[in-house]
């Protein structure tokens, strides 16, 4: 049976649930540690996803298919 990949939003919600649970402090220590480890992994994954998205949106594709930083494209248009 294949596991369905969670969306960014689903993983963020899971992280928020873990944080809320840990903030309440009403879980046994062993469970809290497991939740903390899961939260750290989720935070790292979500951070990587955001970083990749940021890199993607800060680049534009030129007519010849080359990716250039978005700022360079703005500078050319401003100089003209």
PDB file of N, CA and C in Angstrom:
ATOM      1  N   UNK A   1       0.841  -1.173   0.000  1.00  0.00           N
ATOM      2  CA  UNK A   1       0.000   0.000   0.000  1.00  0.00           C
ATOM      3  C   UNK A   1       0.891   1.244   0.000  1.00  0.00           C
ATOM      4  N   UNK A   2       0.667   2.162  -0.952  1.00  0.00           N
ATOM      5  CA  UNK A   2       1.475   3.371  -1.070  1.00  0.00           C
ATOM      6  C   UNK A   2       0.977   4.438  -0.093  1.00  0.00           C
ATOM      7  N   UNK A   3       1.932   5.135   0.513  1.00  0.00           N
ATOM      8  CA  UNK A   3       1.593   6.222   1.415  1.00  0.00           C
ATOM      9  C   UNK A   3       1.441   7.498   0.604  1.00  0.00           C
ATOM     10  N   UNK A   4       0.321   8.190   0.805  1.00  0.00           N
ATOM     11  CA  UNK A   4       0.072   9.428   0.078  1.00  0.00           C
ATOM     12  C   UNK A   4       0.963  10.530   0.635  1.00  0.00           C
ATOM     13  N   UNK A   5       1.616  11.272  -0.271  1.00  0.00           N
ATOM     14  CA  UNK A   5       2.495  12.356   0.158  1.00  0.00           C
ATOM     15  C   UNK A   5       1.654  13.523   0.664  1.00  0.00           C
ATOM     16  N   UNK A   6       2.047  14.053   1.817  1.00  0.00           N
ATOM     17  CA  UNK A   6       1.321  15.166   2.411  1.00  0.00           C
ATOM     18  C   UNK A   6       1.719  16.468   1.727  1.00  0.00           C
ATOM     19  N   UNK A   7       0.765  17.391   1.668  1.00  0.00           N
ATOM     20  CA  UNK A   7       1.052  18.704   1.113  1.00  0.00           C
ATOM     21  C   UNK A   7       1.800  19.543   2.149  1.00  0.00           C
ATOM     22  N   UNK A   8       2.357  20.643   1.678  1.00  0.00           N
ATOM     23  CA  UNK A   8       3.036  21.580   2.576  1.00  0.00           C
ATOM     24  C   UNK A   8       2.086  22.014   3.687  1.00  0.00           C
ATOM     25  N   UNK A   9       0.862  22.340   3.305  1.00  0.00           N
ATOM     26  CA  UNK A   9      -0.118  22.820   4.276  1.00  0.00           C
ATOM     27  C   UNK A   9      -0.464  21.754   5.310  1.00  0.00           C
ATOM     28  N   UNK A  10      -0.567  20.494   4.876  1.00  0.00           N
ATOM     29  CA  UNK A  10      -0.856  19.406   5.810  1.00  0.00           C
ATOM     30  C   UNK A  10       0.295  19.208   6.793  1.00  0.00           C
ATOM     31  N   UNK A  11       1.522  19.287   6.293  1.00  0.00           N
ATOM     32  CA  UNK A  11       2.685  19.128   7.166  1.00  0.00           C
ATOM     33  C   UNK A  11       2.802  20.309   8.131  1.00  0.00           C
ATOM     34  N   UNK A  12       2.490  21.509   7.663  1.00  0.00           N
ATOM     35  CA  UNK A  12       2.519  22.677   8.535  1.00  0.00           C
ATOM     36  C   UNK A  12       1.474  22.541   9.643  1.00  0.00           C
ATOM     37  N   UNK A  13       0.294  22.054   9.295  1.00  0.00           N
ATOM     38  CA  UNK A  13      -0.758  21.831  10.294  1.00  0.00           C
ATOM     39  C   UNK A  13      -0.306  20.790  11.326  1.00  0.00           C
ATOM     40  N   UNK A  14       0.355  19.740  10.840  1.00  0.00           N
ATOM     41  CA  UNK A  14       0.868  18.709  11.752  1.00  0.00           C
ATOM     42  C   UNK A  14       1.891  19.310  12.714  1.00  0.00           C
ATOM     43  N   UNK A  15       2.770  20.160  12.205  1.00  0.00           N
ATOM     44  CA  UNK A  15       3.765  20.815  13.052  1.00  0.00           C
ATOM     45  C   UNK A  15       3.086  21.721  14.081  1.00  0.00           C
ATOM     46  N   UNK A  16       2.075  22.461  13.650  1.00  0.00           N
ATOM     47  CA  UNK A  16       1.341  23.327  14.581  1.00  0.00           C
ATOM     48  C   UNK A  16       0.658  22.514  15.672  1.00  0.00           C
ATOM     49  N   UNK A  17       0.132  21.351  15.322  1.00  0.00           N
ATOM     50  CA  UNK A  17      -0.505  20.468  16.306  1.00  0.00           C
ATOM     51  C   UNK A  17       0.519  19.977  17.315  1.00  0.00           C
ATOM     52  N   UNK A  18       1.693  19.605  16.835  1.00  0.00           N
ATOM     53  CA  UNK A  18       2.767  19.136  17.727  1.00  0.00           C
ATOM     54  C   UNK A  18       3.184  20.250  18.675  1.00  0.00           C
ATOM     55  N   UNK A  19       3.376  21.448  18.138  1.00  0.00           N
ATOM     56  CA  UNK A  19       3.786  22.578  18.978  1.00  0.00           C
ATOM     57  C   UNK A  19       2.737  22.856  20.053  1.00  0.00           C
ATOM     58  N   UNK A  20       1.477  22.852  19.664  1.00  0.00           N
ATOM     59  CA  UNK A  20       0.404  23.089  20.639  1.00  0.00           C
ATOM     60  C   UNK A  20       0.410  22.034  21.738  1.00  0.00           C
ATOM     61  N   UNK A  21       0.591  20.784  21.342  1.00  0.00           N
ATOM     62  CA  UNK A  21       0.624  19.688  22.305  1.00  0.00           C
ATOM     63  C   UNK A  21       1.785  19.849  23.276  1.00  0.00           C
ATOM     64  N   UNK A  22       2.946  20.202  22.754  1.00  0.00           N
ATOM     65  CA  UNK A  22       4.124  20.376  23.607  1.00  0.00           C
ATOM     66  C   UNK A  22       3.968  21.594  24.518  1.00  0.00           C
ATOM     67  N   UNK A  23       3.331  22.643  24.016  1.00  0.00           N
ATOM     68  CA  UNK A  23       3.120  23.836  24.845  1.00  0.00           C
ATOM     69  C   UNK A  23       2.173  23.557  26.007  1.00  0.00           C
ATOM     70  N   UNK A  24       1.180  22.703  25.781  1.00  0.00           N
ATOM     71  CA  UNK A  24       0.246  22.349  26.866  1.00  0.00           C
ATOM     72  C   UNK A  24       0.972  21.565  27.958  1.00  0.00           C
ATOM     73  N   UNK A  25       1.946  20.767  27.553  1.00  0.00           N
ATOM     74  CA  UNK A  25       2.723  20.011  28.527  1.00  0.00           C
ATOM     75  C   UNK A  25       1.984  18.856  29.170  1.00  0.00           C
ATOM     76  N   UNK A  26       0.937  18.367  28.522  1.00  0.00           N
ATOM     77  CA  UNK A  26       0.146  17.306  29.138  1.00  0.00           C
ATOM     78  C   UNK A  26       0.404  15.930  28.521  1.00  0.00           C
ATOM     79  N   UNK A  27       1.555  15.751  27.885  1.00  0.00           N
ATOM     80  CA  UNK A  27       1.900  14.445  27.316  1.00  0.00           C
ATOM     81  C   UNK A  27       3.067  13.856  28.105  1.00  0.00           C
ATOM     82  N   UNK A  28       3.110  12.540  28.192  1.00  0.00           N
ATOM     83  CA  UNK A  28       4.229  11.896  28.887  1.00  0.00           C
ATOM     84  C   UNK A  28       5.571  12.256  28.221  1.00  0.00           C
ATOM     85  N   UNK A  29       6.622  12.236  28.994  1.00  0.00           N
ATOM     86  CA  UNK A  29       7.940  12.638  28.525  1.00  0.00           C
ATOM     87  C   UNK A  29       8.359  11.899  27.258  1.00  0.00           C
ATOM     88  N   UNK A  30       8.182  10.589  27.227  1.00  0.00           N
ATOM     89  CA  UNK A  30       8.597   9.805  26.063  1.00  0.00           C
ATOM     90  C   UNK A  30       7.856  10.254  24.802  1.00  0.00           C
ATOM     91  N   UNK A  31       6.558  10.498  24.948  1.00  0.00           N
ATOM     92  CA  UNK A  31       5.756  10.958  23.812  1.00  0.00           C
ATOM     93  C   UNK A  31       6.163  12.378  23.403  1.00  0.00           C
ATOM     94  N   UNK A  32       6.444  13.211  24.388  1.00  0.00           N
ATOM     95  CA  UNK A  32       6.877  14.579  24.107  1.00  0.00           C
ATOM     96  C   UNK A  32       8.182  14.575  23.321  1.00  0.00           C
ATOM     97  N   UNK A  33       9.114  13.706  23.709  1.00  0.00           N
ATOM     98  CA  UNK A  33      10.388  13.604  22.986  1.00  0.00           C
ATOM     99  C   UNK A  33      10.176  13.145  21.549  1.00  0.00           C
ATOM    100  N   UNK A  34       9.297  12.161  21.365  1.00  0.00           N
ATOM    101  CA  UNK A  34       8.998  11.665  20.022  1.00  0.00           C
ATOM    102  C   UNK A  34       8.349  12.768  19.182  1.00  0.00           C
ATOM    103  N   UNK A  35       7.415  13.501  19.790  1.00  0.00           N
ATOM    104  CA  UNK A  35       6.761  14.600  19.075  1.00  0.00           C
ATOM    105  C   UNK A  35       7.771  15.684  18.725  1.00  0.00           C
ATOM    106  N   UNK A  36       8.669  15.980  19.655  1.00  0.00           N
ATOM    107  CA  UNK A  36       9.687  16.999  19.410  1.00  0.00           C
ATOM    108  C   UNK A  36      10.561  16.599  18.228  1.00  0.00           C
ATOM    109  N   UNK A  37      11.000  15.347  18.191  1.00  0.00           N
ATOM    110  CA  UNK A  37      11.833  14.869  17.085  1.00  0.00           C
ATOM    111  C   UNK A  37      11.082  14.950  15.764  1.00  0.00           C
ATOM    112  N   UNK A  38       9.824  14.562  15.766  1.00  0.00           N
ATOM    113  CA  UNK A  38       8.999  14.662  14.560  1.00  0.00           C
ATOM    114  C   UNK A  38       8.862  16.120  14.145  1.00  0.00           C
ATOM    115  N   UNK A  39       8.647  16.998  15.118  1.00  0.00           N
ATOM    116  CA  UNK A  39       8.519  18.426  14.835  1.00  0.00           C
ATOM    117  C   UNK A  39       9.777  19.013  14.225  1.00  0.00           C
ATOM    118  N   UNK A  40      10.931  18.620  14.744  1.00  0.00           N
ATOM    119  CA  UNK A  40      12.199  19.110  14.201  1.00  0.00           C
ATOM    120  C   UNK A  40      12.365  18.646  12.754  1.00  0.00           C
ATOM    121  N   UNK A  41      12.026  17.387  12.483  1.00  0.00           N
ATOM    122  CA  UNK A  41      12.113  16.874  11.119  1.00  0.00           C
ATOM    123  C   UNK A  41      11.158  17.610  10.186  1.00  0.00           C
ATOM    124  N   UNK A  42       9.935  17.819  10.635  1.00  0.00           N
ATOM    125  CA  UNK A  42       8.957  18.554   9.834  1.00  0.00           C
ATOM    126  C   UNK A  42       9.418  19.987   9.577  1.00  0.00           C
ATOM    127  N   UNK A  43       9.932  20.648  10.606  1.00  0.00           N
ATOM    128  CA  UNK A  43      10.398  22.027  10.453  1.00  0.00           C
ATOM    129  C   UNK A  43      11.518  22.101   9.420  1.00  0.00           C
ATOM    130  N   UNK A  44      12.446  21.154   9.467  1.00  0.00           N
ATOM    131  CA  UNK A  44      13.530  21.125   8.488  1.00  0.00           C
ATOM    132  C   UNK A  44      13.012  20.922   7.075  1.00  0.00           C
ATOM    133  N   UNK A  45      12.080  19.999   6.928  1.00  0.00           N
ATOM    134  CA  UNK A  45      11.504  19.716   5.612  1.00  0.00           C
ATOM    135  C   UNK A  45      10.740  20.928   5.073  1.00  0.00           C
ATOM    136  N   UNK A  46       9.930  21.542   5.935  1.00  0.00           N
ATOM    137  CA  UNK A  46       9.161  22.707   5.522  1.00  0.00           C
ATOM    138  C   UNK A  46      10.081  23.874   5.167  1.00  0.00           C
ATOM    139  N   UNK A  47      11.141  24.051   5.935  1.00  0.00           N
ATOM    140  CA  UNK A  47      12.108  25.101   5.649  1.00  0.00           C
ATOM    141  C   UNK A  47      12.754  24.880   4.275  1.00  0.00           C
ATOM    142  N   UNK A  48      13.098  23.633   3.978  1.00  0.00           N
ATOM    143  CA  UNK A  48      13.677  23.311   2.673  1.00  0.00           C
ATOM    144  C   UNK A  48      12.708  23.593   1.537  1.00  0.00           C
ATOM    145  N   UNK A  49      11.444  23.252   1.748  1.00  0.00           N
ATOM    146  CA  UNK A  49      10.425  23.521   0.733  1.00  0.00           C
ATOM    147  C   UNK A  49      10.288  25.018   0.488  1.00  0.00           C
ATOM    148  N   UNK A  50      10.271  25.803   1.564  1.00  0.00           N
ATOM    149  CA  UNK A  50      10.173  27.258   1.422  1.00  0.00           C
ATOM    150  C   UNK A  50      11.395  27.840   0.724  1.00  0.00           C
ATOM    151  N   UNK A  51      12.562  27.320   1.053  1.00  0.00           N
ATOM    152  CA  UNK A  51      13.797  27.811   0.432  1.00  0.00           C
ATOM    153  C   UNK A  51      13.788  27.519  -1.070  1.00  0.00           C
ATOM    154  N   UNK A  52      13.364  26.312  -1.446  1.00  0.00           N
ATOM    155  CA  UNK A  52      13.271  25.963  -2.866  1.00  0.00           C
ATOM    156  C   UNK A  52      12.265  26.851  -3.589  1.00  0.00           C
ATOM    157  N   UNK A  53      11.144  27.114  -2.936  1.00  0.00           N
ATOM    158  CA  UNK A  53      10.118  27.973  -3.539  1.00  0.00           C
ATOM    159  C   UNK A  53      10.649  29.389  -3.707  1.00  0.00           C
ATOM    160  N   UNK A  54      11.361  29.876  -2.707  1.00  0.00           N
ATOM    161  CA  UNK A  54      11.928  31.221  -2.782  1.00  0.00           C
ATOM    162  C   UNK A  54      12.927  31.324  -3.939  1.00  0.00           C
ATOM    163  N   UNK A  55      13.773  30.315  -4.072  1.00  0.00           N
ATOM    164  CA  UNK A  55      14.741  30.308  -5.174  1.00  0.00           C
ATOM    165  C   UNK A  55      14.033  30.281  -6.526  1.00  0.00           C
ATOM    166  N   UNK A  56      12.951  29.530  -6.619  1.00  0.00           N
ATOM    167  CA  UNK A  56      12.225  29.416  -7.882  1.00  0.00           C
ATOM    168  C   UNK A  56      11.566  30.732  -8.274  1.00  0.00           C
ATOM    169  N   UNK A  57      10.982  31.428  -7.309  1.00  0.00           N
ATOM    170  CA  UNK A  57      10.263  32.651  -7.647  1.00  0.00           C
ATOM    171  C   UNK A  57      11.175  33.864  -7.795  1.00  0.00           C
ATOM    172  N   UNK A  58      12.427  33.735  -7.412  1.00  0.00           N
ATOM    173  CA  UNK A  58      13.348  34.857  -7.580  1.00  0.00           C
ATOM    174  C   UNK A  58      14.133  34.748  -8.877  1.00  0.00           C
ATOM    175  N   UNK A  59      13.721  33.851  -9.750  1.00  0.00           N
ATOM    176  CA  UNK A  59      14.373  33.698 -11.047  1.00  0.00           C
ATOM    177  C   UNK A  59      13.331  33.817 -12.148  1.00  0.00           C
ATOM    178  N   UNK A  60      13.768  34.299 -13.277  1.00  0.00           N
ATOM    179  CA  UNK A  60      12.902  34.380 -14.444  1.00  0.00           C
ATOM    180  C   UNK A  60      13.588  33.660 -15.592  1.00  0.00           C
ATOM    181  N   UNK A  61      12.793  33.142 -16.497  1.00  0.00           N
ATOM    182  CA  UNK A  61      13.348  32.448 -17.647  1.00  0.00           C
ATOM    183  C   UNK A  61      13.387  33.424 -18.821  1.00  0.00           C
ATOM    184  N   UNK A  62      14.565  33.513 -19.429  1.00  0.00           N
ATOM    185  CA  UNK A  62      14.728  34.371 -20.594  1.00  0.00           C
ATOM    186  C   UNK A  62      14.120  33.677 -21.808  1.00  0.00           C
ATOM    187  N   UNK A  63      13.896  34.411 -22.891  1.00  0.00           N
ATOM    188  CA  UNK A  63      13.335  33.792 -24.094  1.00  0.00           C
ATOM    189  C   UNK A  63      14.153  32.605 -24.611  1.00  0.00           C
ATOM    190  N   UNK A  64      15.460  32.587 -24.353  1.00  0.00           N
ATOM    191  CA  UNK A  64      16.283  31.459 -24.800  1.00  0.00           C
ATOM    192  C   UNK A  64      16.314  30.309 -23.795  1.00  0.00           C
ATOM    193  N   UNK A  65      15.477  30.376 -22.745  1.00  0.00           N
ATOM    194  CA  UNK A  65      15.354  29.275 -21.797  1.00  0.00           C
ATOM    195  C   UNK A  65      16.326  29.309 -20.640  1.00  0.00           C
ATOM    196  N   UNK A  66      17.090  30.371 -20.503  1.00  0.00           N
ATOM    197  CA  UNK A  66      18.066  30.489 -19.419  1.00  0.00           C
ATOM    198  C   UNK A  66      17.398  31.107 -18.192  1.00  0.00           C
ATOM    199  N   UNK A  67      17.736  30.571 -17.006  1.00  0.00           N
ATOM    200  CA  UNK A  67      17.215  31.150 -15.762  1.00  0.00           C
ATOM    201  C   UNK A  67      18.159  32.235 -15.285  1.00  0.00           C
ATOM    202  N   UNK A  68      17.601  33.390 -14.981  1.00  0.00           N
ATOM    203  CA  UNK A  68      18.384  34.524 -14.490  1.00  0.00           C
ATOM    204  C   UNK A  68      17.747  35.030 -13.205  1.00  0.00           C
ATOM    205  N   UNK A  69      18.547  35.590 -12.311  1.00  0.00           N
ATOM    206  CA  UNK A  69      17.965  36.186 -11.101  1.00  0.00           C
ATOM    207  C   UNK A  69      16.953  37.264 -11.480  1.00  0.00           C
ATOM    208  N   UNK A  70      15.864  37.328 -10.754  1.00  0.00           N
ATOM    209  CA  UNK A  70      14.785  38.269 -11.030  1.00  0.00           C
ATOM    210  C   UNK A  70      15.281  39.707 -10.974  1.00  0.00           C
ATOM    211  N   UNK A  71      16.177  40.027 -10.042  1.00  0.00           N
ATOM    212  CA  UNK A  71      16.682  41.394  -9.887  1.00  0.00           C
ATOM    213  C   UNK A  71      17.372  41.869 -11.158  1.00  0.00           C
ATOM    214  N   UNK A  72      18.139  40.982 -11.801  1.00  0.00           N
ATOM    215  CA  UNK A  72      18.832  41.365 -13.042  1.00  0.00           C
ATOM    216  C   UNK A  72      17.843  41.769 -14.104  1.00  0.00           C
ATOM    217  N   UNK A  73      16.731  41.083 -14.198  1.00  0.00           N
ATOM    218  CA  UNK A  73      15.709  41.392 -15.186  1.00  0.00           C
ATOM    219  C   UNK A  73      15.108  42.775 -14.894  1.00  0.00           C
ATOM    220  N   UNK A  74      14.870  43.081 -13.635  1.00  0.00           N
ATOM    221  CA  UNK A  74      14.326  44.379 -13.261  1.00  0.00           C
ATOM    222  C   UNK A  74      15.301  45.500 -13.584  1.00  0.00           C
ATOM    223  N   UNK A  75      16.596  45.263 -13.332  1.00  0.00           N
ATOM    224  CA  UNK A  75      17.615  46.285 -13.604  1.00  0.00           C
ATOM    225  C   UNK A  75      17.661  46.624 -15.087  1.00  0.00           C
ATOM    226  N   UNK A  76      17.553  45.624 -15.949  1.00  0.00           N
ATOM    227  CA  UNK A  76      17.571  45.872 -17.390  1.00  0.00           C
ATOM    228  C   UNK A  76      16.379  46.715 -17.800  1.00  0.00           C
ATOM    229  N   UNK A  77      15.207  46.400 -17.256  1.00  0.00           N
ATOM    230  CA  UNK A  77      14.016  47.142 -17.613  1.00  0.00           C
ATOM    231  C   UNK A  77      14.077  48.566 -17.074  1.00  0.00           C
ATOM    232  N   UNK A  78      14.660  48.747 -15.900  1.00  0.00           N
ATOM    233  CA  UNK A  78      14.758  50.074 -15.305  1.00  0.00           C
ATOM    234  C   UNK A  78      15.739  50.957 -16.066  1.00  0.00           C
ATOM    235  N   UNK A  79      16.802  50.355 -16.601  1.00  0.00           N
ATOM    236  CA  UNK A  79      17.833  51.097 -17.304  1.00  0.00           C
ATOM    237  C   UNK A  79      17.366  51.567 -18.669  1.00  0.00           C
ATOM    238  N   UNK A  80      16.366  50.915 -19.226  1.00  0.00           N
ATOM    239  CA  UNK A  80      15.909  51.267 -20.565  1.00  0.00           C
ATOM    240  C   UNK A  80      15.007  52.465 -20.577  1.00  0.00           C
TER     241      UNK A  80
END
